[in-house]
Amino acid sequence: MPIERKRVHCFVDGFNLYHAIKALGPTANHLKWLDLWKLATAFIVPSQEQLTGVSYFTAFATWIPDAYARHRTYIKALESSGVTTVIGRFKRKEKSCPQCNKKIPSHEEKESDVSFGIYIVHQAHIDGFDKAFIITADSDFLPVIKLVSEYFPKKEIHLLIPPGRYKTSRDLRNSIKSSKIKRKHLENNLFPERVRNDSGDIITRPEKYQPLLQE
């Protein structure tokens, strides 16, 4: 009789992962064209586990047209692979310049962090997974992880730490099992240059995400 495999759902803190990749420098821009379903699958034990869902939490920087366009293209690629996207929003605010005391326009991300935590708890409550991969290094999510572990002790929580964020994730690492997402994991799990969705539409990798040619 075949062994029933654990259902794994991957929850992705989009901004935490994005900024970790951005910190790798301009030669890593192509790594932003990342296939999250394939990335999560790379951490699965196939004989014991199956990936049943990936949820990606983010928000659009609508005031930066080029970045907004790239992000929308990336969302389309993710959705074509089966990823569920949860879109928050940015709220415009002003902050004071420490040198001149003038007010500077700024934006603060809203909703996606709250949605991230609520969605994990909700999925645990409705028995939506046996094991959760959580891609983040943000210790603000530690209370959510502790809550799930306390009230749903049979649910496994496994932290996948974005590249370069190992030290800053200490509080999370001390609480749950964790693995590093290394650069090789990103390199090995990118979308192809062109992705076709279920409607037959072609989604093309943004020019800024093209790999740099090595001389």
N, C-alpha and C. Protein backbone atom coordinates (compact mmCIF):
# COMPACT_ATOMS: atom_id res chain seq x y z
N MET A 1 0.85 -1.20 0.00
CA MET A 1 0.00 0.00 0.00
C MET A 1 0.88 1.24 0.00
N PRO A 2 0.68 2.17 -0.95
CA PRO A 2 1.54 3.35 -1.03
C PRO A 2 1.38 4.25 0.20
N ILE A 3 2.50 4.86 0.60
CA ILE A 3 2.49 5.77 1.74
C ILE A 3 1.88 7.11 1.32
N GLU A 4 0.96 7.60 2.14
CA GLU A 4 0.34 8.89 1.84
C GLU A 4 1.36 10.00 2.10
N ARG A 5 1.59 10.80 1.09
CA ARG A 5 2.60 11.85 1.22
C ARG A 5 2.03 13.09 1.91
N LYS A 6 2.89 13.80 2.61
CA LYS A 6 2.49 15.04 3.29
C LYS A 6 2.21 16.13 2.26
N ARG A 7 1.16 16.89 2.52
CA ARG A 7 0.83 18.04 1.67
C ARG A 7 1.63 19.25 2.14
N VAL A 8 2.38 19.82 1.22
CA VAL A 8 3.23 20.97 1.55
C VAL A 8 2.72 22.22 0.85
N HIS A 9 2.55 23.28 1.61
CA HIS A 9 2.16 24.59 1.05
C HIS A 9 3.28 25.56 1.35
N CYS A 10 3.70 26.31 0.35
CA CYS A 10 4.78 27.28 0.50
C CYS A 10 4.22 28.70 0.53
N PHE A 11 4.57 29.45 1.56
CA PHE A 11 4.13 30.83 1.72
C PHE A 11 5.35 31.74 1.52
N VAL A 12 5.24 32.68 0.59
CA VAL A 12 6.39 33.49 0.18
C VAL A 12 6.19 34.96 0.56
N ASP A 13 7.08 35.47 1.40
CA ASP A 13 7.13 36.90 1.71
C ASP A 13 7.84 37.57 0.54
N GLY A 14 7.07 38.08 -0.40
CA GLY A 14 7.62 38.56 -1.67
C GLY A 14 8.66 39.64 -1.52
N PHE A 15 8.42 40.62 -0.66
CA PHE A 15 9.37 41.72 -0.54
C PHE A 15 10.66 41.28 0.14
N ASN A 16 10.56 40.41 1.14
CA ASN A 16 11.76 39.94 1.82
C ASN A 16 12.65 39.17 0.85
N LEU A 17 12.04 38.33 0.02
CA LEU A 17 12.80 37.57 -0.97
C LEU A 17 13.36 38.50 -2.03
N TYR A 18 12.55 39.43 -2.52
CA TYR A 18 12.99 40.36 -3.57
C TYR A 18 14.20 41.16 -3.12
N HIS A 19 14.14 41.73 -1.92
CA HIS A 19 15.25 42.57 -1.45
C HIS A 19 16.50 41.74 -1.16
N ALA A 20 16.32 40.48 -0.79
CA ALA A 20 17.48 39.61 -0.62
C ALA A 20 18.18 39.37 -1.95
N ILE A 21 17.40 39.16 -3.01
CA ILE A 21 17.98 38.98 -4.34
C ILE A 21 18.60 40.28 -4.84
N LYS A 22 17.92 41.39 -4.62
CA LYS A 22 18.44 42.69 -5.04
C LYS A 22 19.78 42.99 -4.39
N ALA A 23 19.95 42.57 -3.14
CA ALA A 23 21.20 42.82 -2.41
C ALA A 23 22.38 42.03 -2.99
N LEU A 24 22.11 41.05 -3.83
CA LEU A 24 23.18 40.29 -4.48
C LEU A 24 23.88 41.10 -5.56
N GLY A 25 23.28 42.23 -5.94
CA GLY A 25 23.91 43.12 -6.91
C GLY A 25 23.30 43.04 -8.30
N PRO A 26 23.72 43.95 -9.20
CA PRO A 26 23.13 44.03 -10.54
C PRO A 26 23.34 42.78 -11.39
N THR A 27 24.37 42.00 -11.09
CA THR A 27 24.60 40.77 -11.86
C THR A 27 23.59 39.69 -11.50
N ALA A 28 22.77 39.96 -10.48
CA ALA A 28 21.77 38.97 -10.05
C ALA A 28 20.36 39.35 -10.47
N ASN A 29 20.22 40.38 -11.30
CA ASN A 29 18.88 40.81 -11.70
C ASN A 29 18.07 39.69 -12.34
N HIS A 30 18.76 38.81 -13.08
CA HIS A 30 18.04 37.73 -13.76
C HIS A 30 17.42 36.74 -12.77
N LEU A 31 17.92 36.74 -11.53
CA LEU A 31 17.39 35.82 -10.53
C LEU A 31 16.02 36.24 -10.02
N LYS A 32 15.61 37.46 -10.37
CA LYS A 32 14.26 37.92 -10.00
C LYS A 32 13.19 37.24 -10.86
N TRP A 33 13.60 36.62 -11.95
CA TRP A 33 12.67 35.89 -12.82
C TRP A 33 12.57 34.46 -12.29
N LEU A 34 12.18 34.34 -11.04
CA LEU A 34 12.27 33.10 -10.28
C LEU A 34 10.97 32.32 -10.30
N ASP A 35 11.07 31.05 -10.64
CA ASP A 35 9.91 30.16 -10.63
C ASP A 35 9.73 29.63 -9.20
N LEU A 36 8.81 30.21 -8.47
CA LEU A 36 8.64 29.87 -7.06
C LEU A 36 8.13 28.45 -6.85
N TRP A 37 7.33 27.96 -7.78
CA TRP A 37 6.85 26.58 -7.65
C TRP A 37 8.02 25.60 -7.76
N LYS A 38 8.89 25.84 -8.73
CA LYS A 38 10.07 24.98 -8.89
C LYS A 38 11.01 25.12 -7.71
N LEU A 39 11.17 26.34 -7.21
CA LEU A 39 12.05 26.56 -6.05
C LEU A 39 11.56 25.77 -4.85
N ALA A 40 10.26 25.86 -4.56
CA ALA A 40 9.71 25.12 -3.42
C ALA A 40 9.86 23.61 -3.62
N THR A 41 9.67 23.16 -4.86
CA THR A 41 9.79 21.74 -5.17
C THR A 41 11.20 21.23 -4.89
N ALA A 42 12.20 22.11 -5.04
CA ALA A 42 13.59 21.72 -4.81
C ALA A 42 13.86 21.33 -3.36
N PHE A 43 12.99 21.75 -2.45
CA PHE A 43 13.17 21.43 -1.03
C PHE A 43 12.24 20.30 -0.56
N ILE A 44 11.49 19.74 -1.49
CA ILE A 44 10.57 18.65 -1.18
C ILE A 44 11.32 17.31 -1.16
N VAL A 45 10.88 16.42 -0.28
CA VAL A 45 11.34 15.03 -0.32
C VAL A 45 10.27 14.25 -1.10
N PRO A 46 10.49 13.97 -2.38
CA PRO A 46 9.43 13.44 -3.26
C PRO A 46 8.76 12.17 -2.76
N SER A 47 9.52 11.31 -2.11
CA SER A 47 8.94 10.04 -1.66
C SER A 47 8.01 10.22 -0.46
N GLN A 48 8.12 11.37 0.22
CA GLN A 48 7.35 11.59 1.44
C GLN A 48 6.42 12.80 1.36
N GLU A 49 6.66 13.69 0.40
CA GLU A 49 5.95 14.97 0.37
C GLU A 49 5.51 15.32 -1.04
N GLN A 50 4.46 16.13 -1.14
CA GLN A 50 4.05 16.67 -2.43
C GLN A 50 3.67 18.14 -2.24
N LEU A 51 4.10 18.96 -3.17
CA LEU A 51 3.77 20.38 -3.11
C LEU A 51 2.35 20.57 -3.63
N THR A 52 1.48 21.12 -2.79
CA THR A 52 0.08 21.29 -3.17
C THR A 52 -0.32 22.74 -3.37
N GLY A 53 0.57 23.68 -3.01
CA GLY A 53 0.23 25.09 -3.21
C GLY A 53 1.39 26.01 -2.90
N VAL A 54 1.42 27.13 -3.60
CA VAL A 54 2.39 28.20 -3.33
C VAL A 54 1.61 29.51 -3.30
N SER A 55 1.78 30.28 -2.25
CA SER A 55 1.11 31.58 -2.12
C SER A 55 2.16 32.68 -1.99
N TYR A 56 2.04 33.67 -2.85
CA TYR A 56 3.03 34.75 -2.96
C TYR A 56 2.38 36.07 -2.55
N PHE A 57 2.96 36.74 -1.56
CA PHE A 57 2.40 37.97 -1.00
C PHE A 57 3.27 39.16 -1.37
N THR A 58 2.65 40.18 -1.95
CA THR A 58 3.41 41.32 -2.45
C THR A 58 2.50 42.53 -2.60
N ALA A 59 3.02 43.61 -3.16
CA ALA A 59 2.24 44.81 -3.49
C ALA A 59 2.92 45.50 -4.66
N PHE A 60 2.16 46.26 -5.42
CA PHE A 60 2.69 46.94 -6.60
C PHE A 60 3.17 48.35 -6.26
N ALA A 61 4.39 48.68 -6.69
CA ALA A 61 4.91 50.05 -6.58
C ALA A 61 4.42 50.83 -7.81
N THR A 62 3.18 51.24 -7.78
CA THR A 62 2.54 51.83 -8.96
C THR A 62 3.14 53.17 -9.38
N TRP A 63 3.85 53.84 -8.48
CA TRP A 63 4.43 55.15 -8.79
C TRP A 63 5.77 55.03 -9.52
N ILE A 64 6.24 53.80 -9.73
CA ILE A 64 7.48 53.55 -10.50
C ILE A 64 7.07 52.73 -11.72
N PRO A 65 6.74 53.38 -12.84
CA PRO A 65 6.13 52.68 -13.98
C PRO A 65 6.89 51.46 -14.48
N ASP A 66 8.21 51.57 -14.64
CA ASP A 66 8.98 50.44 -15.17
C ASP A 66 8.93 49.24 -14.22
N ALA A 67 9.13 49.51 -12.94
CA ALA A 67 9.10 48.43 -11.94
C ALA A 67 7.70 47.82 -11.85
N TYR A 68 6.69 48.66 -11.94
CA TYR A 68 5.30 48.20 -11.90
C TYR A 68 5.02 47.25 -13.07
N ALA A 69 5.49 47.62 -14.25
CA ALA A 69 5.27 46.79 -15.44
C ALA A 69 5.98 45.44 -15.31
N ARG A 70 7.23 45.47 -14.83
CA ARG A 70 7.97 44.22 -14.64
C ARG A 70 7.28 43.31 -13.63
N HIS A 71 6.81 43.94 -12.56
CA HIS A 71 6.17 43.17 -11.49
C HIS A 71 4.89 42.50 -12.00
N ARG A 72 4.11 43.23 -12.79
CA ARG A 72 2.88 42.65 -13.34
C ARG A 72 3.19 41.47 -14.27
N THR A 73 4.26 41.62 -15.05
CA THR A 73 4.67 40.53 -15.93
C THR A 73 5.08 39.31 -15.11
N TYR A 74 5.82 39.55 -14.04
CA TYR A 74 6.25 38.45 -13.18
C TYR A 74 5.05 37.76 -12.53
N ILE A 75 4.08 38.54 -12.08
CA ILE A 75 2.88 37.96 -11.49
C ILE A 75 2.18 37.04 -12.49
N LYS A 76 2.10 37.47 -13.75
CA LYS A 76 1.48 36.63 -14.78
C LYS A 76 2.23 35.31 -14.94
N ALA A 77 3.56 35.38 -14.90
CA ALA A 77 4.36 34.16 -15.03
C ALA A 77 4.12 33.24 -13.83
N LEU A 78 4.08 33.82 -12.64
CA LEU A 78 3.83 33.01 -11.44
C LEU A 78 2.47 32.32 -11.52
N GLU A 79 1.45 33.09 -11.89
CA GLU A 79 0.10 32.53 -11.93
C GLU A 79 -0.02 31.44 -12.99
N SER A 80 0.77 31.56 -14.07
CA SER A 80 0.73 30.53 -15.11
C SER A 80 1.28 29.20 -14.60
N SER A 81 2.09 29.25 -13.54
CA SER A 81 2.69 28.03 -12.98
C SER A 81 1.88 27.46 -11.83
N GLY A 82 0.77 28.12 -11.47
CA GLY A 82 -0.08 27.61 -10.41
C GLY A 82 0.05 28.32 -9.08
N VAL A 83 0.87 29.37 -9.03
CA VAL A 83 1.05 30.14 -7.80
C VAL A 83 -0.15 31.05 -7.56
N THR A 84 -0.60 31.11 -6.31
CA THR A 84 -1.64 32.05 -5.91
C THR A 84 -0.98 33.35 -5.47
N THR A 85 -1.40 34.48 -6.03
CA THR A 85 -0.81 35.76 -5.65
C THR A 85 -1.80 36.55 -4.80
N VAL A 86 -1.28 37.13 -3.73
CA VAL A 86 -2.08 37.95 -2.81
C VAL A 86 -1.47 39.35 -2.82
N ILE A 87 -2.20 40.31 -3.37
CA ILE A 87 -1.67 41.65 -3.60
C ILE A 87 -2.14 42.61 -2.51
N GLY A 88 -1.18 43.21 -1.83
CA GLY A 88 -1.47 44.27 -0.86
C GLY A 88 -1.41 45.62 -1.54
N ARG A 89 -1.04 46.64 -0.79
CA ARG A 89 -0.96 47.98 -1.38
C ARG A 89 0.07 48.81 -0.63
N PHE A 90 0.48 49.90 -1.25
CA PHE A 90 1.33 50.88 -0.61
C PHE A 90 0.50 52.10 -0.24
N LYS A 91 0.80 52.68 0.90
CA LYS A 91 0.14 53.91 1.33
C LYS A 91 1.14 55.05 1.27
N ARG A 92 0.74 56.14 0.61
CA ARG A 92 1.62 57.30 0.50
C ARG A 92 1.69 58.01 1.85
N LYS A 93 2.90 58.39 2.23
CA LYS A 93 3.07 59.14 3.47
C LYS A 93 4.27 60.07 3.29
N GLU A 94 4.50 60.92 4.26
CA GLU A 94 5.64 61.83 4.23
C GLU A 94 6.55 61.54 5.43
N LYS A 95 7.85 61.66 5.19
CA LYS A 95 8.79 61.52 6.29
C LYS A 95 9.73 62.72 6.29
N SER A 96 10.29 63.04 7.43
CA SER A 96 11.14 64.21 7.58
C SER A 96 12.58 63.89 7.21
N CYS A 97 13.20 64.78 6.45
CA CYS A 97 14.61 64.65 6.12
C CYS A 97 15.43 65.04 7.36
N PRO A 98 16.32 64.18 7.85
CA PRO A 98 17.08 64.50 9.07
C PRO A 98 18.05 65.67 8.88
N GLN A 99 18.44 65.95 7.62
CA GLN A 99 19.38 67.05 7.37
C GLN A 99 18.69 68.40 7.26
N CYS A 100 17.55 68.44 6.55
CA CYS A 100 16.92 69.73 6.27
C CYS A 100 15.53 69.89 6.90
N ASN A 101 15.03 68.83 7.52
CA ASN A 101 13.72 68.83 8.17
C ASN A 101 12.54 69.02 7.21
N LYS A 102 12.81 68.93 5.92
CA LYS A 102 11.72 69.03 4.95
C LYS A 102 10.97 67.70 4.87
N LYS A 103 9.71 67.79 4.46
CA LYS A 103 8.91 66.60 4.28
C LYS A 103 9.20 65.96 2.92
N ILE A 104 9.47 64.68 2.92
CA ILE A 104 9.81 63.95 1.71
C ILE A 104 8.72 62.91 1.44
N PRO A 105 8.18 62.89 0.21
CA PRO A 105 7.17 61.87 -0.12
C PRO A 105 7.75 60.46 0.01
N SER A 106 7.00 59.57 0.58
CA SER A 106 7.44 58.20 0.76
C SER A 106 6.23 57.27 0.64
N HIS A 107 6.50 55.98 0.65
CA HIS A 107 5.42 54.99 0.57
C HIS A 107 5.67 53.88 1.57
N GLU A 108 4.62 53.42 2.18
CA GLU A 108 4.69 52.35 3.17
C GLU A 108 3.81 51.19 2.73
N GLU A 109 4.41 50.01 2.70
CA GLU A 109 3.66 48.83 2.28
C GLU A 109 2.62 48.48 3.34
N LYS A 110 1.41 48.22 2.89
CA LYS A 110 0.31 47.89 3.79
C LYS A 110 -0.33 46.56 3.37
N GLU A 111 -0.88 45.89 4.32
CA GLU A 111 -1.76 44.73 4.12
C GLU A 111 -1.06 43.40 3.84
N SER A 112 -0.01 43.37 3.01
CA SER A 112 0.51 42.05 2.61
C SER A 112 1.12 41.30 3.80
N ASP A 113 1.78 42.01 4.74
CA ASP A 113 2.31 41.33 5.92
C ASP A 113 1.19 40.74 6.77
N VAL A 114 0.13 41.53 6.95
CA VAL A 114 -1.02 41.04 7.72
C VAL A 114 -1.66 39.85 7.00
N SER A 115 -1.83 39.98 5.69
CA SER A 115 -2.42 38.90 4.90
C SER A 115 -1.57 37.63 4.99
N PHE A 116 -0.27 37.81 4.97
CA PHE A 116 0.67 36.69 5.06
C PHE A 116 0.41 35.88 6.33
N GLY A 117 0.38 36.58 7.47
CA GLY A 117 0.16 35.90 8.74
C GLY A 117 -1.22 35.27 8.84
N ILE A 118 -2.24 36.03 8.44
CA ILE A 118 -3.61 35.52 8.52
C ILE A 118 -3.79 34.29 7.64
N TYR A 119 -3.19 34.33 6.45
CA TYR A 119 -3.37 33.23 5.50
C TYR A 119 -2.74 31.94 6.03
N ILE A 120 -1.58 32.05 6.66
CA ILE A 120 -0.93 30.87 7.23
C ILE A 120 -1.81 30.25 8.31
N VAL A 121 -2.31 31.09 9.22
CA VAL A 121 -3.18 30.60 10.29
C VAL A 121 -4.46 29.99 9.72
N HIS A 122 -5.04 30.67 8.73
CA HIS A 122 -6.27 30.17 8.13
C HIS A 122 -6.07 28.81 7.47
N GLN A 123 -4.98 28.67 6.73
CA GLN A 123 -4.72 27.40 6.06
C GLN A 123 -4.47 26.28 7.06
N ALA A 124 -3.83 26.61 8.18
CA ALA A 124 -3.65 25.60 9.23
C ALA A 124 -5.00 25.21 9.82
N HIS A 125 -5.85 26.20 10.03
CA HIS A 125 -7.16 25.97 10.65
C HIS A 125 -8.06 25.09 9.77
N ILE A 126 -8.02 25.28 8.47
CA ILE A 126 -8.88 24.50 7.57
C ILE A 126 -8.19 23.22 7.09
N ASP A 127 -7.04 22.92 7.71
CA ASP A 127 -6.27 21.73 7.35
C ASP A 127 -5.84 21.77 5.88
N GLY A 128 -5.33 22.93 5.48
CA GLY A 128 -4.90 23.12 4.11
C GLY A 128 -3.51 22.59 3.81
N PHE A 129 -2.79 22.17 4.83
CA PHE A 129 -1.45 21.62 4.62
C PHE A 129 -1.07 20.74 5.81
N ASP A 130 -0.11 19.86 5.56
CA ASP A 130 0.52 19.09 6.64
C ASP A 130 1.84 19.74 7.04
N LYS A 131 2.46 20.37 6.06
CA LYS A 131 3.75 21.03 6.29
C LYS A 131 3.76 22.35 5.54
N ALA A 132 4.31 23.37 6.17
CA ALA A 132 4.39 24.69 5.53
C ALA A 132 5.85 25.08 5.35
N PHE A 133 6.19 25.48 4.13
CA PHE A 133 7.44 26.18 3.88
C PHE A 133 7.14 27.67 4.01
N ILE A 134 7.95 28.39 4.75
CA ILE A 134 7.78 29.83 4.88
C ILE A 134 9.06 30.51 4.41
N ILE A 135 8.96 31.24 3.30
CA ILE A 135 10.13 31.93 2.76
C ILE A 135 10.14 33.36 3.27
N THR A 136 10.98 33.62 4.24
CA THR A 136 11.16 34.96 4.81
C THR A 136 12.33 34.92 5.78
N ALA A 137 12.85 36.10 6.12
CA ALA A 137 13.80 36.22 7.22
C ALA A 137 13.30 37.27 8.21
N ASP A 138 12.04 37.64 8.07
CA ASP A 138 11.44 38.70 8.88
C ASP A 138 10.94 38.13 10.21
N SER A 139 11.58 38.52 11.30
CA SER A 139 11.22 38.00 12.62
C SER A 139 9.86 38.49 13.10
N ASP A 140 9.26 39.47 12.39
CA ASP A 140 7.92 39.92 12.75
C ASP A 140 6.89 38.80 12.65
N PHE A 141 7.23 37.76 11.88
CA PHE A 141 6.29 36.66 11.71
C PHE A 141 6.46 35.56 12.77
N LEU A 142 7.38 35.77 13.69
CA LEU A 142 7.61 34.77 14.73
C LEU A 142 6.35 34.48 15.56
N PRO A 143 5.57 35.50 15.98
CA PRO A 143 4.34 35.21 16.74
C PRO A 143 3.35 34.33 15.96
N VAL A 144 3.26 34.54 14.66
CA VAL A 144 2.36 33.72 13.83
C VAL A 144 2.83 32.27 13.83
N ILE A 145 4.13 32.09 13.66
CA ILE A 145 4.69 30.74 13.63
C ILE A 145 4.49 30.04 14.97
N LYS A 146 4.71 30.77 16.06
CA LYS A 146 4.51 30.19 17.39
C LYS A 146 3.05 29.83 17.61
N LEU A 147 2.14 30.67 17.12
CA LEU A 147 0.71 30.40 17.29
C LEU A 147 0.31 29.12 16.57
N VAL A 148 0.77 28.98 15.32
CA VAL A 148 0.45 27.78 14.55
C VAL A 148 1.03 26.54 15.23
N SER A 149 2.27 26.66 15.70
CA SER A 149 2.92 25.53 16.36
C SER A 149 2.19 25.12 17.64
N GLU A 150 1.65 26.12 18.36
CA GLU A 150 0.97 25.84 19.62
C GLU A 150 -0.41 25.22 19.40
N TYR A 151 -1.19 25.80 18.49
CA TYR A 151 -2.57 25.37 18.32
C TYR A 151 -2.74 24.25 17.30
N PHE A 152 -1.73 24.07 16.46
CA PHE A 152 -1.79 23.00 15.45
C PHE A 152 -0.47 22.22 15.51
N PRO A 153 -0.23 21.53 16.63
CA PRO A 153 1.08 20.90 16.85
C PRO A 153 1.45 19.82 15.83
N LYS A 154 0.47 19.30 15.12
CA LYS A 154 0.78 18.28 14.11
C LYS A 154 1.25 18.89 12.79
N LYS A 155 1.10 20.20 12.65
CA LYS A 155 1.56 20.88 11.44
C LYS A 155 3.06 21.18 11.54
N GLU A 156 3.79 20.83 10.52
CA GLU A 156 5.22 21.13 10.48
C GLU A 156 5.45 22.50 9.84
N ILE A 157 6.35 23.26 10.43
CA ILE A 157 6.73 24.56 9.87
C ILE A 157 8.22 24.52 9.55
N HIS A 158 8.58 24.86 8.34
CA HIS A 158 9.98 24.82 7.90
C HIS A 158 10.32 26.15 7.24
N LEU A 159 11.28 26.83 7.81
CA LEU A 159 11.70 28.14 7.30
C LEU A 159 12.70 27.97 6.15
N LEU A 160 12.45 28.67 5.05
CA LEU A 160 13.41 28.73 3.94
C LEU A 160 13.96 30.15 3.92
N ILE A 161 15.23 30.30 4.24
CA ILE A 161 15.83 31.62 4.44
C ILE A 161 16.37 32.17 3.13
N PRO A 162 15.93 33.35 2.72
CA PRO A 162 16.46 33.96 1.48
C PRO A 162 17.97 34.16 1.55
N PRO A 163 18.64 34.19 0.41
CA PRO A 163 20.10 34.32 0.39
C PRO A 163 20.57 35.59 1.08
N GLY A 164 21.65 35.45 1.87
CA GLY A 164 22.23 36.60 2.55
C GLY A 164 21.50 37.05 3.79
N ARG A 165 20.45 36.32 4.19
CA ARG A 165 19.64 36.74 5.34
C ARG A 165 19.76 35.77 6.53
N TYR A 166 20.78 34.94 6.51
CA TYR A 166 20.90 33.93 7.57
C TYR A 166 21.08 34.56 8.95
N LYS A 167 21.97 35.54 9.04
CA LYS A 167 22.25 36.16 10.35
C LYS A 167 21.04 36.90 10.89
N THR A 168 20.33 37.61 10.02
CA THR A 168 19.20 38.41 10.47
C THR A 168 17.98 37.56 10.81
N SER A 169 18.04 36.28 10.49
CA SER A 169 16.89 35.40 10.76
C SER A 169 17.09 34.57 12.02
N ARG A 170 18.01 34.99 12.89
CA ARG A 170 18.37 34.17 14.05
C ARG A 170 17.17 33.82 14.94
N ASP A 171 16.32 34.81 15.23
CA ASP A 171 15.17 34.54 16.10
C ASP A 171 14.26 33.48 15.50
N LEU A 172 14.06 33.55 14.20
CA LEU A 172 13.24 32.54 13.53
C LEU A 172 13.92 31.18 13.55
N ARG A 173 15.22 31.17 13.26
CA ARG A 173 15.96 29.91 13.21
C ARG A 173 15.99 29.20 14.55
N ASN A 174 15.99 30.00 15.62
CA ASN A 174 16.02 29.41 16.96
C ASN A 174 14.69 28.78 17.35
N SER A 175 13.65 29.05 16.58
CA SER A 175 12.31 28.58 16.93
C SER A 175 11.83 27.41 16.08
N ILE A 176 12.29 27.34 14.83
CA ILE A 176 11.80 26.30 13.93
C ILE A 176 12.94 25.77 13.06
N LYS A 177 12.69 24.64 12.44
CA LYS A 177 13.65 24.05 11.51
C LYS A 177 13.81 24.97 10.31
N SER A 178 15.03 25.06 9.80
CA SER A 178 15.26 25.99 8.69
C SER A 178 16.27 25.42 7.70
N SER A 179 16.22 25.97 6.48
CA SER A 179 17.19 25.68 5.43
C SER A 179 17.53 26.97 4.73
N LYS A 180 18.73 27.04 4.18
CA LYS A 180 19.15 28.21 3.42
C LYS A 180 18.73 28.08 1.96
N ILE A 181 18.21 29.16 1.41
CA ILE A 181 18.06 29.25 -0.04
C ILE A 181 19.37 29.83 -0.56
N LYS A 182 20.12 29.04 -1.28
CA LYS A 182 21.41 29.50 -1.79
C LYS A 182 21.25 30.04 -3.21
N ARG A 183 22.27 30.74 -3.65
CA ARG A 183 22.21 31.31 -5.00
C ARG A 183 21.99 30.21 -6.04
N LYS A 184 22.59 29.06 -5.81
CA LYS A 184 22.43 27.96 -6.78
C LYS A 184 20.97 27.51 -6.89
N HIS A 185 20.23 27.62 -5.78
CA HIS A 185 18.81 27.27 -5.83
C HIS A 185 18.05 28.23 -6.74
N LEU A 186 18.44 29.50 -6.71
CA LEU A 186 17.80 30.49 -7.57
C LEU A 186 18.18 30.24 -9.03
N GLU A 187 19.47 30.05 -9.27
CA GLU A 187 19.97 29.84 -10.63
C GLU A 187 19.31 28.62 -11.29
N ASN A 188 19.06 27.60 -10.49
CA ASN A 188 18.54 26.34 -11.03
C ASN A 188 17.02 26.32 -11.19
N ASN A 189 16.35 27.38 -10.74
CA ASN A 189 14.89 27.36 -10.75
C ASN A 189 14.29 28.65 -11.29
N LEU A 190 14.79 29.07 -12.43
CA LEU A 190 14.27 30.26 -13.10
C LEU A 190 13.24 29.86 -14.16
N PHE A 191 12.36 30.80 -14.45
CA PHE A 191 11.47 30.61 -15.59
C PHE A 191 12.29 30.67 -16.88
N PRO A 192 11.84 30.01 -17.94
CA PRO A 192 12.48 30.22 -19.24
C PRO A 192 12.19 31.63 -19.73
N GLU A 193 12.83 32.02 -20.82
CA GLU A 193 12.64 33.38 -21.33
C GLU A 193 11.17 33.65 -21.66
N ARG A 194 10.49 32.65 -22.17
CA ARG A 194 9.07 32.80 -22.52
C ARG A 194 8.25 31.73 -21.81
N VAL A 195 7.13 32.18 -21.25
CA VAL A 195 6.22 31.29 -20.52
C VAL A 195 4.85 31.37 -21.17
N ARG A 196 4.21 30.23 -21.37
CA ARG A 196 2.87 30.19 -21.95
C ARG A 196 1.86 29.86 -20.85
N ASN A 197 0.80 30.66 -20.74
CA ASN A 197 -0.22 30.38 -19.74
C ASN A 197 -1.32 29.49 -20.32
N ASP A 198 -2.32 29.18 -19.51
CA ASP A 198 -3.38 28.25 -19.94
C ASP A 198 -4.20 28.79 -21.10
N SER A 199 -4.21 30.11 -21.26
CA SER A 199 -4.97 30.72 -22.36
C SER A 199 -4.18 30.75 -23.66
N GLY A 200 -2.92 30.31 -23.58
CA GLY A 200 -2.07 30.32 -24.76
C GLY A 200 -1.28 31.60 -24.94
N ASP A 201 -1.42 32.55 -24.01
CA ASP A 201 -0.68 33.80 -24.10
C ASP A 201 0.78 33.58 -23.74
N ILE A 202 1.67 34.31 -24.42
CA ILE A 202 3.10 34.22 -24.16
C ILE A 202 3.51 35.34 -23.22
N ILE A 203 4.18 34.99 -22.13
CA ILE A 203 4.69 35.96 -21.17
C ILE A 203 6.20 35.99 -21.33
N THR A 204 6.74 37.15 -21.68
CA THR A 204 8.16 37.27 -22.00
C THR A 204 8.93 37.91 -20.86
N ARG A 205 10.07 37.35 -20.55
CA ARG A 205 10.92 37.87 -19.48
C ARG A 205 11.29 39.33 -19.75
N PRO A 206 11.11 40.23 -18.77
CA PRO A 206 11.49 41.64 -18.95
C PRO A 206 12.97 41.78 -19.29
N GLU A 207 13.27 42.77 -20.09
CA GLU A 207 14.66 42.97 -20.54
C GLU A 207 15.62 43.11 -19.36
N LYS A 208 15.20 43.79 -18.31
CA LYS A 208 16.08 44.01 -17.16
C LYS A 208 16.41 42.71 -16.44
N TYR A 209 15.62 41.67 -16.67
CA TYR A 209 15.86 40.39 -16.02
C TYR A 209 16.63 39.41 -16.91
N GLN A 210 17.12 39.91 -18.05
CA GLN A 210 17.92 39.06 -18.92
C GLN A 210 19.27 38.78 -18.26
N PRO A 211 19.75 37.55 -18.31
CA PRO A 211 21.08 37.26 -17.75
C PRO A 211 22.16 38.06 -18.47
N LEU A 212 23.14 38.52 -17.70
CA LEU A 212 24.25 39.25 -18.29
C LEU A 212 25.19 38.26 -18.97
N LEU A 213 25.65 38.61 -20.16
CA LEU A 213 26.58 37.75 -20.88
C LEU A 213 27.96 37.85 -20.24
N GLN A 214 28.58 36.69 -20.03
CA GLN A 214 29.92 36.66 -19.46
C GLN A 214 30.95 36.79 -20.57
N GLU A 215 31.87 37.74 -20.40
CA GLU A 215 32.90 37.94 -21.43
C GLU A 215 34.10 37.03 -21.15
